[in-house]
PDB file of all heavy atoms in Angstrom:
ATOM      1  N   SER A   1      97.784  53.373  91.847  1.00  0.00           N
ATOM      2  CA  SER A   1      98.479  52.143  91.540  1.00  0.00           C
ATOM      3  C   SER A   1      98.547  51.175  92.710  1.00  0.00           C
ATOM      4  O   SER A   1      98.842  49.987  92.526  1.00  0.00           O
ATOM      5  CB  SER A   1      99.909  52.494  91.078  1.00  0.00           C
ATOM      6  OG  SER A   1     100.658  52.982  92.189  1.00  0.00           O
ATOM      7  N   GLY A   2      98.273  51.687  93.892  1.00  0.00           N
ATOM      8  CA  GLY A   2      98.352  50.863  95.071  1.00  0.00           C
ATOM      9  C   GLY A   2      99.765  50.821  95.674  1.00  0.00           C
ATOM     10  O   GLY A   2      99.982  50.187  96.703  1.00  0.00           O
ATOM     11  N   GLY A   3     100.680  51.543  95.048  1.00  0.00           N
ATOM     12  CA  GLY A   3     102.058  51.516  95.454  1.00  0.00           C
ATOM     13  C   GLY A   3     102.361  52.354  96.684  1.00  0.00           C
ATOM     14  O   GLY A   3     103.399  52.175  97.317  1.00  0.00           O
ATOM     15  N   THR A   4     101.486  53.288  96.987  1.00  0.00           N
ATOM     16  CA  THR A   4     101.688  54.147  98.152  1.00  0.00           C
ATOM     17  C   THR A   4     100.439  54.045  99.028  1.00  0.00           C
ATOM     18  O   THR A   4      99.329  54.249  98.591  1.00  0.00           O
ATOM     19  CB  THR A   4     101.881  55.627  97.706  1.00  0.00           C
ATOM     20  OG1 THR A   4     103.023  55.655  96.845  1.00  0.00           O
ATOM     21  CG2 THR A   4     102.139  56.474  98.930  1.00  0.00           C
ATOM     22  N   THR A   5     100.686  53.805 100.356  1.00  0.00           N
ATOM     23  CA  THR A   5      99.603  53.779 101.332  1.00  0.00           C
ATOM     24  C   THR A   5      99.954  54.679 102.470  1.00  0.00           C
ATOM     25  O   THR A   5     101.109  54.993 102.725  1.00  0.00           O
ATOM     26  CB  THR A   5      99.341  52.375 101.818  1.00  0.00           C
ATOM     27  OG1 THR A   5     100.541  51.830 102.404  1.00  0.00           O
ATOM     28  CG2 THR A   5      98.877  51.443 100.677  1.00  0.00           C
ATOM     29  N   ASN A   6      98.920  55.085 103.204  1.00  0.00           N
ATOM     30  CA  ASN A   6      99.086  55.978 104.357  1.00  0.00           C
ATOM     31  C   ASN A   6      98.051  55.612 105.380  1.00  0.00           C
ATOM     32  O   ASN A   6      96.921  55.338 105.047  1.00  0.00           O
ATOM     33  CB  ASN A   6      98.918  57.420 103.886  1.00  0.00           C
ATOM     34  CG  ASN A   6      99.199  58.419 104.947  1.00  0.00           C
ATOM     35  OD1 ASN A   6      99.984  58.184 105.882  1.00  0.00           O
ATOM     36  ND2 ASN A   6      98.561  59.573 104.886  1.00  0.00           N
ATOM     37  N   TYR A   7      98.474  55.581 106.668  1.00  0.00           N
ATOM     38  CA  TYR A   7      97.592  55.184 107.737  1.00  0.00           C
ATOM     39  C   TYR A   7      97.648  56.162 108.885  1.00  0.00           C
ATOM     40  O   TYR A   7      98.740  56.720 109.203  1.00  0.00           O
ATOM     41  CB  TYR A   7      97.937  53.793 108.274  1.00  0.00           C
ATOM     42  CG  TYR A   7      97.802  52.694 107.266  1.00  0.00           C
ATOM     43  CD1 TYR A   7      98.879  52.280 106.519  1.00  0.00           C
ATOM     44  CD2 TYR A   7      96.580  52.062 107.113  1.00  0.00           C
ATOM     45  CE1 TYR A   7      98.777  51.243 105.588  1.00  0.00           C
ATOM     46  CE2 TYR A   7      96.439  51.008 106.217  1.00  0.00           C
ATOM     47  CZ  TYR A   7      97.548  50.624 105.452  1.00  0.00           C
ATOM     48  OH  TYR A   7      97.404  49.593 104.536  1.00  0.00           O
ATOM     49  N   ALA A   8      96.523  56.389 109.525  1.00  0.00           N
ATOM     50  CA  ALA A   8      96.519  57.117 110.801  1.00  0.00           C
ATOM     51  C   ALA A   8      97.241  56.276 111.854  1.00  0.00           C
ATOM     52  O   ALA A   8      97.199  55.056 111.832  1.00  0.00           O
ATOM     53  CB  ALA A   8      95.078  57.371 111.237  1.00  0.00           C
ATOM     54  N   ASP A   9      97.927  56.967 112.774  1.00  0.00           N
ATOM     55  CA  ASP A   9      98.649  56.246 113.804  1.00  0.00           C
ATOM     56  C   ASP A   9      97.772  55.312 114.625  1.00  0.00           C
ATOM     57  O   ASP A   9      98.202  54.247 115.097  1.00  0.00           O
ATOM     58  CB  ASP A   9      99.332  57.245 114.752  1.00  0.00           C
ATOM     59  CG  ASP A   9     100.505  57.949 114.067  1.00  0.00           C
ATOM     60  OD1 ASP A   9     101.047  57.447 113.074  1.00  0.00           O
ATOM     61  OD2 ASP A   9     100.906  59.018 114.576  1.00  0.00           O
ATOM     62  N   SER A  10      96.540  55.704 114.804  1.00  0.00           N
ATOM     63  CA  SER A  10      95.614  54.928 115.627  1.00  0.00           C
ATOM     64  C   SER A  10      95.257  53.567 115.042  1.00  0.00           C
ATOM     65  O   SER A  10      94.802  52.679 115.781  1.00  0.00           O
ATOM     66  CB  SER A  10      94.349  55.723 115.899  1.00  0.00           C
ATOM     67  OG  SER A  10      93.694  56.067 114.679  1.00  0.00           O
ATOM     68  N   VAL A  11      95.424  53.389 113.761  1.00  0.00           N
ATOM     69  CA  VAL A  11      95.058  52.126 113.078  1.00  0.00           C
ATOM     70  C   VAL A  11      96.263  51.385 112.470  1.00  0.00           C
ATOM     71  O   VAL A  11      96.078  50.274 112.023  1.00  0.00           O
ATOM     72  CB  VAL A  11      93.981  52.350 112.028  1.00  0.00           C
ATOM     73  CG1 VAL A  11      92.782  53.071 112.609  1.00  0.00           C
ATOM     74  CG2 VAL A  11      94.551  53.112 110.809  1.00  0.00           C
ATOM     75  N   LYS A  12      97.421  52.005 112.464  1.00  0.00           N
ATOM     76  CA  LYS A  12      98.605  51.424 111.861  1.00  0.00           C
ATOM     77  C   LYS A  12      98.918  50.081 112.509  1.00  0.00           C
ATOM     78  O   LYS A  12      98.962  49.975 113.724  1.00  0.00           O
ATOM     79  CB  LYS A  12      99.755  52.384 111.942  1.00  0.00           C
ATOM     80  CG  LYS A  12     100.982  51.992 111.087  1.00  0.00           C
ATOM     81  CD  LYS A  12     101.996  53.101 111.075  1.00  0.00           C
ATOM     82  CE  LYS A  12     101.457  54.370 110.438  1.00  0.00           C
ATOM     83  NZ  LYS A  12     102.480  55.445 110.349  1.00  0.00           N
ATOM     84  N   GLY A  13      99.134  49.067 111.699  1.00  0.00           N
ATOM     85  CA  GLY A  13      99.406  47.741 112.198  1.00  0.00           C
ATOM     86  C   GLY A  13      98.162  46.882 112.370  1.00  0.00           C
ATOM     87  O   GLY A  13      98.292  45.643 112.575  1.00  0.00           O
ATOM     88  N   ARG A  14      97.007  47.530 112.355  1.00  0.00           N
ATOM     89  CA  ARG A  14      95.746  46.799 112.531  1.00  0.00           C
ATOM     90  C   ARG A  14      94.868  46.787 111.291  1.00  0.00           C
ATOM     91  O   ARG A  14      94.187  45.813 111.009  1.00  0.00           O
ATOM     92  CB  ARG A  14      94.931  47.362 113.713  1.00  0.00           C
ATOM     93  CG  ARG A  14      95.675  47.303 115.063  1.00  0.00           C
ATOM     94  CD  ARG A  14      94.708  47.714 116.192  1.00  0.00           C
ATOM     95  NE  ARG A  14      94.271  49.099 116.077  1.00  0.00           N
ATOM     96  CZ  ARG A  14      93.024  49.480 115.950  1.00  0.00           C
ATOM     97  NH1 ARG A  14      92.059  48.542 115.961  1.00  0.00           N
ATOM     98  NH2 ARG A  14      92.683  50.772 115.845  1.00  0.00           N
ATOM     99  N   PHE A  15      94.932  47.860 110.558  1.00  0.00           N
ATOM    100  CA  PHE A  15      94.158  48.046 109.340  1.00  0.00           C
ATOM    101  C   PHE A  15      94.992  47.953 108.105  1.00  0.00           C
ATOM    102  O   PHE A  15      96.173  48.375 108.142  1.00  0.00           O
ATOM    103  CB  PHE A  15      93.385  49.389 109.323  1.00  0.00           C
ATOM    104  CG  PHE A  15      92.297  49.544 110.354  1.00  0.00           C
ATOM    105  CD1 PHE A  15      92.087  48.625 111.363  1.00  0.00           C
ATOM    106  CD2 PHE A  15      91.465  50.632 110.297  1.00  0.00           C
ATOM    107  CE1 PHE A  15      91.106  48.747 112.296  1.00  0.00           C
ATOM    108  CE2 PHE A  15      90.432  50.810 111.211  1.00  0.00           C
ATOM    109  CZ  PHE A  15      90.267  49.897 112.246  1.00  0.00           C
ATOM    110  N   THR A  16      94.438  47.437 107.013  1.00  0.00           N
ATOM    111  CA  THR A  16      95.131  47.385 105.729  1.00  0.00           C
ATOM    112  C   THR A  16      94.231  47.840 104.617  1.00  0.00           C
ATOM    113  O   THR A  16      93.122  47.300 104.457  1.00  0.00           O
ATOM    114  CB  THR A  16      95.637  45.932 105.459  1.00  0.00           C
ATOM    115  OG1 THR A  16      96.422  45.459 106.524  1.00  0.00           O
ATOM    116  CG2 THR A  16      96.407  45.913 104.175  1.00  0.00           C
ATOM    117  N   ILE A  17      94.683  48.843 103.858  1.00  0.00           N
ATOM    118  CA  ILE A  17      93.927  49.307 102.719  1.00  0.00           C
ATOM    119  C   ILE A  17      94.489  48.694 101.456  1.00  0.00           C
ATOM    120  O   ILE A  17      95.690  48.536 101.294  1.00  0.00           O
ATOM    121  CB  ILE A  17      93.948  50.849 102.633  1.00  0.00           C
ATOM    122  CG1 ILE A  17      93.007  51.358 101.568  1.00  0.00           C
ATOM    123  CG2 ILE A  17      95.354  51.385 102.424  1.00  0.00           C
ATOM    124  CD1 ILE A  17      92.790  52.885 101.569  1.00  0.00           C
ATOM    125  N   SER A  18      93.644  48.345 100.513  1.00  0.00           N
ATOM    126  CA  SER A  18      94.050  47.752  99.251  1.00  0.00           C
ATOM    127  C   SER A  18      93.030  48.147  98.199  1.00  0.00           C
ATOM    128  O   SER A  18      91.925  48.629  98.536  1.00  0.00           O
ATOM    129  CB  SER A  18      94.211  46.259  99.391  1.00  0.00           C
ATOM    130  OG  SER A  18      92.969  45.641  99.710  1.00  0.00           O
ATOM    131  N   ARG A  19      93.356  47.881  96.934  1.00  0.00           N
ATOM    132  CA  ARG A  19      92.434  48.187  95.877  1.00  0.00           C
ATOM    133  C   ARG A  19      92.616  47.185  94.734  1.00  0.00           C
ATOM    134  O   ARG A  19      93.689  46.666  94.490  1.00  0.00           O
ATOM    135  CB  ARG A  19      92.598  49.619  95.380  1.00  0.00           C
ATOM    136  CG  ARG A  19      93.913  49.901  94.684  1.00  0.00           C
ATOM    137  CD  ARG A  19      94.067  51.430  94.492  1.00  0.00           C
ATOM    138  NE  ARG A  19      93.029  51.967  93.675  1.00  0.00           N
ATOM    139  CZ  ARG A  19      92.760  53.299  93.540  1.00  0.00           C
ATOM    140  NH1 ARG A  19      93.524  54.167  94.229  1.00  0.00           N
ATOM    141  NH2 ARG A  19      91.762  53.714  92.801  1.00  0.00           N
ATOM    142  N   ASP A  20      91.528  46.974  94.021  1.00  0.00           N
ATOM    143  CA  ASP A  20      91.527  46.143  92.830  1.00  0.00           C
ATOM    144  C   ASP A  20      90.890  46.972  91.734  1.00  0.00           C
ATOM    145  O   ASP A  20      89.681  47.056  91.634  1.00  0.00           O
ATOM    146  CB  ASP A  20      90.736  44.838  93.065  1.00  0.00           C
ATOM    147  CG  ASP A  20      90.798  43.890  91.902  1.00  0.00           C
ATOM    148  OD1 ASP A  20      91.148  44.286  90.790  1.00  0.00           O
ATOM    149  OD2 ASP A  20      90.538  42.692  92.123  1.00  0.00           O
ATOM    150  N   ASN A  21      91.699  47.588  90.917  1.00  0.00           N
ATOM    151  CA  ASN A  21      91.200  48.483  89.902  1.00  0.00           C
ATOM    152  C   ASN A  21      90.393  47.775  88.825  1.00  0.00           C
ATOM    153  O   ASN A  21      89.512  48.390  88.219  1.00  0.00           O
ATOM    154  CB  ASN A  21      92.366  49.252  89.232  1.00  0.00           C
ATOM    155  CG  ASN A  21      92.981  50.265  90.159  1.00  0.00           C
ATOM    156  OD1 ASN A  21      92.389  50.644  91.220  1.00  0.00           O
ATOM    157  ND2 ASN A  21      94.155  50.750  89.812  1.00  0.00           N
ATOM    158  N   ALA A  22      90.683  46.501  88.589  1.00  0.00           N
ATOM    159  CA  ALA A  22      89.889  45.758  87.630  1.00  0.00           C
ATOM    160  C   ALA A  22      88.450  45.624  88.072  1.00  0.00           C
ATOM    161  O   ALA A  22      87.533  45.495  87.243  1.00  0.00           O
ATOM    162  CB  ALA A  22      90.505  44.375  87.432  1.00  0.00           C
ATOM    163  N   LYS A  23      88.255  45.646  89.412  1.00  0.00           N
ATOM    164  CA  LYS A  23      86.892  45.534  89.964  1.00  0.00           C
ATOM    165  C   LYS A  23      86.355  46.879  90.449  1.00  0.00           C
ATOM    166  O   LYS A  23      85.263  46.943  90.958  1.00  0.00           O
ATOM    167  CB  LYS A  23      86.897  44.554  91.152  1.00  0.00           C
ATOM    168  CG  LYS A  23      87.215  43.120  90.795  1.00  0.00           C
ATOM    169  CD  LYS A  23      87.194  42.239  92.025  1.00  0.00           C
ATOM    170  CE  LYS A  23      87.455  40.794  91.658  1.00  0.00           C
ATOM    171  NZ  LYS A  23      87.431  39.899  92.832  1.00  0.00           N
ATOM    172  N   ASN A  24      87.142  47.937  90.234  1.00  0.00           N
ATOM    173  CA  ASN A  24      86.775  49.272  90.656  1.00  0.00           C
ATOM    174  C   ASN A  24      86.362  49.304  92.133  1.00  0.00           C
ATOM    175  O   ASN A  24      85.360  49.896  92.503  1.00  0.00           O
ATOM    176  CB  ASN A  24      85.639  49.817  89.792  1.00  0.00           C
ATOM    177  CG  ASN A  24      86.025  49.978  88.355  1.00  0.00           C
ATOM    178  OD1 ASN A  24      87.133  50.426  88.030  1.00  0.00           O
ATOM    179  ND2 ASN A  24      85.096  49.630  87.438  1.00  0.00           N
ATOM    180  N   THR A  25      87.141  48.621  92.952  1.00  0.00           N
ATOM    181  CA  THR A  25      86.810  48.453  94.348  1.00  0.00           C
ATOM    182  C   THR A  25      88.024  48.698  95.252  1.00  0.00           C
ATOM    183  O   THR A  25      89.149  48.303  94.938  1.00  0.00           O
ATOM    184  CB  THR A  25      86.280  47.052  94.617  1.00  0.00           C
ATOM    185  OG1 THR A  25      85.147  46.813  93.789  1.00  0.00           O
ATOM    186  CG2 THR A  25      85.855  46.887  96.066  1.00  0.00           C
ATOM    187  N   VAL A  26      87.784  49.358  96.372  1.00  0.00           N
ATOM    188  CA  VAL A  26      88.754  49.603  97.395  1.00  0.00           C
ATOM    189  C   VAL A  26      88.350  48.906  98.675  1.00  0.00           C
ATOM    190  O   VAL A  26      87.152  48.839  98.967  1.00  0.00           O
ATOM    191  CB  VAL A  26      88.961  51.112  97.655  1.00  0.00           C
ATOM    192  CG1 VAL A  26      90.030  51.342  98.711  1.00  0.00           C
ATOM    193  CG2 VAL A  26      89.347  51.817  96.386  1.00  0.00           C
ATOM    194  N   TYR A  27      89.294  48.341  99.396  1.00  0.00           N
ATOM    195  CA  TYR A  27      88.993  47.556 100.582  1.00  0.00           C
ATOM    196  C   TYR A  27      89.709  48.135 101.811  1.00  0.00           C
ATOM    197  O   TYR A  27      90.745  48.755 101.709  1.00  0.00           O
ATOM    198  CB  TYR A  27      89.433  46.108 100.420  1.00  0.00           C
ATOM    199  CG  TYR A  27      88.874  45.418  99.224  1.00  0.00           C
ATOM    200  CD1 TYR A  27      89.597  45.368  98.011  1.00  0.00           C
ATOM    201  CD2 TYR A  27      87.611  44.841  99.246  1.00  0.00           C
ATOM    202  CE1 TYR A  27      89.084  44.736  96.898  1.00  0.00           C
ATOM    203  CE2 TYR A  27      87.097  44.220  98.125  1.00  0.00           C
ATOM    204  CZ  TYR A  27      87.823  44.176  96.953  1.00  0.00           C
ATOM    205  OH  TYR A  27      87.304  43.547  95.846  1.00  0.00           O
ATOM    206  N   LEU A  28      89.110  47.889 102.954  1.00  0.00           N
ATOM    207  CA  LEU A  28      89.755  48.236 104.233  1.00  0.00           C
ATOM    208  C   LEU A  28      89.562  47.001 105.129  1.00  0.00           C
ATOM    209  O   LEU A  28      88.487  46.754 105.629  1.00  0.00           O
ATOM    210  CB  LEU A  28      89.110  49.457 104.880  1.00  0.00           C
ATOM    211  CG  LEU A  28      89.810  49.907 106.208  1.00  0.00           C
ATOM    212  CD1 LEU A  28      91.209  50.401 105.903  1.00  0.00           C
ATOM    213  CD2 LEU A  28      88.971  50.986 106.868  1.00  0.00           C
ATOM    214  N   GLN A  29      90.665  46.254 105.287  1.00  0.00           N
ATOM    215  CA  GLN A  29      90.674  45.110 106.198  1.00  0.00           C
ATOM    216  C   GLN A  29      90.969  45.608 107.615  1.00  0.00           C
ATOM    217  O   GLN A  29      92.045  46.216 107.820  1.00  0.00           O
ATOM    218  CB  GLN A  29      91.700  44.090 105.777  1.00  0.00           C
ATOM    219  CG  GLN A  29      91.863  42.872 106.689  1.00  0.00           C
ATOM    220  CD  GLN A  29      90.592  42.033 106.706  1.00  0.00           C
ATOM    221  OE1 GLN A  29      90.045  41.716 105.638  1.00  0.00           O
ATOM    222  NE2 GLN A  29      90.162  41.628 107.880  1.00  0.00           N
ATOM    223  N   MET A  30      90.079  45.377 108.549  1.00  0.00           N
ATOM    224  CA  MET A  30      90.210  45.857 109.898  1.00  0.00           C
ATOM    225  C   MET A  30      90.332  44.655 110.828  1.00  0.00           C
ATOM    226  O   MET A  30      89.406  43.879 110.970  1.00  0.00           O
ATOM    227  CB  MET A  30      89.020  46.721 110.276  1.00  0.00           C
ATOM    228  CG  MET A  30      88.781  47.865 109.329  1.00  0.00           C
ATOM    229  SD  MET A  30      87.437  48.976 109.872  1.00  0.00           S
ATOM    230  CE  MET A  30      86.070  47.846 109.702  1.00  0.00           C
ATOM    231  N   ASP A  31      91.501  44.523 111.483  1.00  0.00           N
ATOM    232  CA  ASP A  31      91.769  43.452 112.424  1.00  0.00           C
ATOM    233  C   ASP A  31      91.978  44.058 113.818  1.00  0.00           C
ATOM    234  O   ASP A  31      92.294  45.241 113.981  1.00  0.00           O
ATOM    235  CB  ASP A  31      92.999  42.646 112.011  1.00  0.00           C
ATOM    236  CG  ASP A  31      92.829  41.984 110.660  1.00  0.00           C
ATOM    237  OD1 ASP A  31      91.728  41.439 110.413  1.00  0.00           O
ATOM    238  OD2 ASP A  31      93.794  41.943 109.878  1.00  0.00           O
ATOM    239  N   SER A  32      91.877  43.205 114.819  1.00  0.00           N
ATOM    240  CA  SER A  32      92.083  43.611 116.242  1.00  0.00           C
ATOM    241  C   SER A  32      91.247  44.858 116.530  1.00  0.00           C
ATOM    242  O   SER A  32      91.751  45.816 117.127  1.00  0.00           O
ATOM    243  CB  SER A  32      93.545  43.881 116.478  1.00  0.00           C
ATOM    244  OG  SER A  32      94.318  42.751 116.231  1.00  0.00           O
ATOM    245  N   LEU A  33      89.998  44.825 116.171  1.00  0.00           N
ATOM    246  CA  LEU A  33      89.103  45.989 116.364  1.00  0.00           C
ATOM    247  C   LEU A  33      88.908  46.264 117.842  1.00  0.00           C
ATOM    248  O   LEU A  33      88.850  45.368 118.670  1.00  0.00           O
ATOM    249  CB  LEU A  33      87.782  45.729 115.702  1.00  0.00           C
ATOM    250  CG  LEU A  33      87.814  45.933 114.152  1.00  0.00           C
ATOM    251  CD1 LEU A  33      86.617  45.283 113.544  1.00  0.00           C
ATOM    252  CD2 LEU A  33      87.841  47.435 113.839  1.00  0.00           C
ATOM    253  N   LYS A  34      88.813  47.546 118.148  1.00  0.00           N
ATOM    254  CA  LYS A  34      88.589  48.037 119.477  1.00  0.00           C
ATOM    255  C   LYS A  34      87.307  48.843 119.548  1.00  0.00           C
ATOM    256  O   LYS A  34      86.853  49.358 118.536  1.00  0.00           O
ATOM    257  CB  LYS A  34      89.756  48.907 119.931  1.00  0.00           C
ATOM    258  CG  LYS A  34      91.145  48.309 119.780  1.00  0.00           C
ATOM    259  CD  LYS A  34      92.201  49.333 120.053  1.00  0.00           C
ATOM    260  CE  LYS A  34      93.573  48.744 119.869  1.00  0.00           C
ATOM    261  NZ  LYS A  34      94.652  49.766 120.149  1.00  0.00           N
ATOM    262  N   PRO A  35      86.697  48.985 120.728  1.00  0.00           N
ATOM    263  CA  PRO A  35      85.505  49.822 120.844  1.00  0.00           C
ATOM    264  C   PRO A  35      85.724  51.228 120.331  1.00  0.00           C
ATOM    265  O   PRO A  35      84.816  51.856 119.818  1.00  0.00           O
ATOM    266  CB  PRO A  35      85.224  49.806 122.361  1.00  0.00           C
ATOM    267  CG  PRO A  35      85.720  48.485 122.825  1.00  0.00           C
ATOM    268  CD  PRO A  35      86.997  48.272 122.001  1.00  0.00           C
ATOM    269  N   GLU A  36      86.979  51.724 120.443  1.00  0.00           N
ATOM    270  CA  GLU A  36      87.304  53.057 119.962  1.00  0.00           C
ATOM    271  C   GLU A  36      87.191  53.193 118.457  1.00  0.00           C
ATOM    272  O   GLU A  36      87.178  54.305 117.924  1.00  0.00           O
ATOM    273  CB  GLU A  36      88.695  53.462 120.388  1.00  0.00           C
ATOM    274  CG  GLU A  36      88.969  53.333 121.870  1.00  0.00           C
ATOM    275  CD  GLU A  36      89.526  51.964 122.246  1.00  0.00           C
ATOM    276  OE1 GLU A  36      90.774  51.802 122.145  1.00  0.00           O
ATOM    277  OE2 GLU A  36      88.742  51.088 122.624  1.00  0.00           O
ATOM    278  N   ASP A  37      87.131  52.075 117.750  1.00  0.00           N
ATOM    279  CA  ASP A  37      87.000  52.076 116.285  1.00  0.00           C
ATOM    280  C   ASP A  37      85.555  52.267 115.844  1.00  0.00           C
ATOM    281  O   ASP A  37      85.282  52.404 114.626  1.00  0.00           O
ATOM    282  CB  ASP A  37      87.549  50.765 115.669  1.00  0.00           C
ATOM    283  CG  ASP A  37      89.029  50.631 115.887  1.00  0.00           C
ATOM    284  OD1 ASP A  37      89.781  51.602 115.714  1.00  0.00           O
ATOM    285  OD2 ASP A  37      89.454  49.495 116.265  1.00  0.00           O
ATOM    286  N   THR A  38      84.647  52.234 116.759  1.00  0.00           N
ATOM    287  CA  THR A  38      83.209  52.405 116.442  1.00  0.00           C
ATOM    288  C   THR A  38      82.977  53.761 115.787  1.00  0.00           C
ATOM    289  O   THR A  38      83.329  54.801 116.349  1.00  0.00           O
ATOM    290  CB  THR A  38      82.351  52.273 117.724  1.00  0.00           C
ATOM    291  OG1 THR A  38      82.445  50.951 118.228  1.00  0.00           O
ATOM    292  CG2 THR A  38      80.883  52.565 117.395  1.00  0.00           C
ATOM    293  N   ALA A  39      82.394  53.726 114.618  1.00  0.00           N
ATOM    294  CA  ALA A  39      82.163  54.965 113.834  1.00  0.00           C
ATOM    295  C   ALA A  39      81.458  54.622 112.548  1.00  0.00           C
ATOM    296  O   ALA A  39      81.332  53.450 112.186  1.00  0.00           O
ATOM    297  CB  ALA A  39      83.507  55.666 113.549  1.00  0.00           C
ATOM    298  N   VAL A  40      81.029  55.679 111.871  1.00  0.00           N
ATOM    299  CA  VAL A  40      80.592  55.512 110.499  1.00  0.00           C
ATOM    300  C   VAL A  40      81.798  55.702 109.613  1.00  0.00           C
ATOM    301  O   VAL A  40      82.540  56.680 109.737  1.00  0.00           O
ATOM    302  CB  VAL A  40      79.508  56.559 110.096  1.00  0.00           C
ATOM    303  CG1 VAL A  40      79.166  56.441 108.620  1.00  0.00           C
ATOM    304  CG2 VAL A  40      78.261  56.370 110.973  1.00  0.00           C
ATOM    305  N   TYR A  41      82.057  54.744 108.744  1.00  0.00           N
ATOM    306  CA  TYR A  41      83.252  54.767 107.883  1.00  0.00           C
ATOM    307  C   TYR A  41      82.861  55.219 106.448  1.00  0.00           C
ATOM    308  O   TYR A  41      81.887  54.684 105.876  1.00  0.00           O
ATOM    309  CB  TYR A  41      83.877  53.388 107.827  1.00  0.00           C
ATOM    310  CG  TYR A  41      84.709  53.082 109.034  1.00  0.00           C
ATOM    311  CD1 TYR A  41      84.075  52.860 110.276  1.00  0.00           C
ATOM    312  CD2 TYR A  41      86.070  53.078 109.025  1.00  0.00           C
ATOM    313  CE1 TYR A  41      84.818  52.603 111.421  1.00  0.00           C
ATOM    314  CE2 TYR A  41      86.831  52.781 110.160  1.00  0.00           C
ATOM    315  CZ  TYR A  41      86.182  52.573 111.344  1.00  0.00           C
ATOM    316  OH  TYR A  41      86.917  52.317 112.478  1.00  0.00           O
ATOM    317  N   TYR A  42      83.599  56.173 105.951  1.00  0.00           N
ATOM    318  CA  TYR A  42      83.320  56.752 104.645  1.00  0.00           C
ATOM    319  C   TYR A  42      84.456  56.483 103.677  1.00  0.00           C
ATOM    320  O   TYR A  42      85.623  56.614 104.004  1.00  0.00           O
ATOM    321  CB  TYR A  42      83.154  58.282 104.730  1.00  0.00           C
ATOM    322  CG  TYR A  42      81.956  58.731 105.598  1.00  0.00           C
ATOM    323  CD1 TYR A  42      82.134  58.941 106.984  1.00  0.00           C
ATOM    324  CD2 TYR A  42      80.734  58.939 105.027  1.00  0.00           C
ATOM    325  CE1 TYR A  42      81.077  59.341 107.760  1.00  0.00           C
ATOM    326  CE2 TYR A  42      79.658  59.362 105.831  1.00  0.00           C
ATOM    327  CZ  TYR A  42      79.854  59.564 107.178  1.00  0.00           C
ATOM    328  OH  TYR A  42      78.788  59.968 107.953  1.00  0.00           O
ATOM    329  N   CYS A  43      84.087  56.189 102.450  1.00  0.00           N
ATOM    330  CA  CYS A  43      85.055  56.054 101.348  1.00  0.00           C
ATOM    331  C   CYS A  43      85.087  57.364 100.607  1.00  0.00           C
ATOM    332  O   CYS A  43      84.057  58.041 100.464  1.00  0.00           O
ATOM    333  CB  CYS A  43      84.601  54.903 100.441  1.00  0.00           C
ATOM    334  SG  CYS A  43      85.653  54.612  99.028  1.00  0.00           S
ATOM    335  N   ALA A  44      86.280  57.752 100.137  1.00  0.00           N
ATOM    336  CA  ALA A  44      86.421  59.003  99.403  1.00  0.00           C
ATOM    337  C   ALA A  44      87.411  58.873  98.260  1.00  0.00           C
ATOM    338  O   ALA A  44      88.325  58.002  98.295  1.00  0.00           O
ATOM    339  CB  ALA A  44      86.917  60.101 100.363  1.00  0.00           C
TER     340      ALA A  44
END
């Protein structure tokens, strides 16, 4: 439903997860990115 979200402490306040079920799509908005965020990101 999008009513409950959960974040790792390392990204809390910088990343925002959201979803649009009508589009069958989930998003991850990433702001204030740091070199430590470099990685392969997987959706599950």
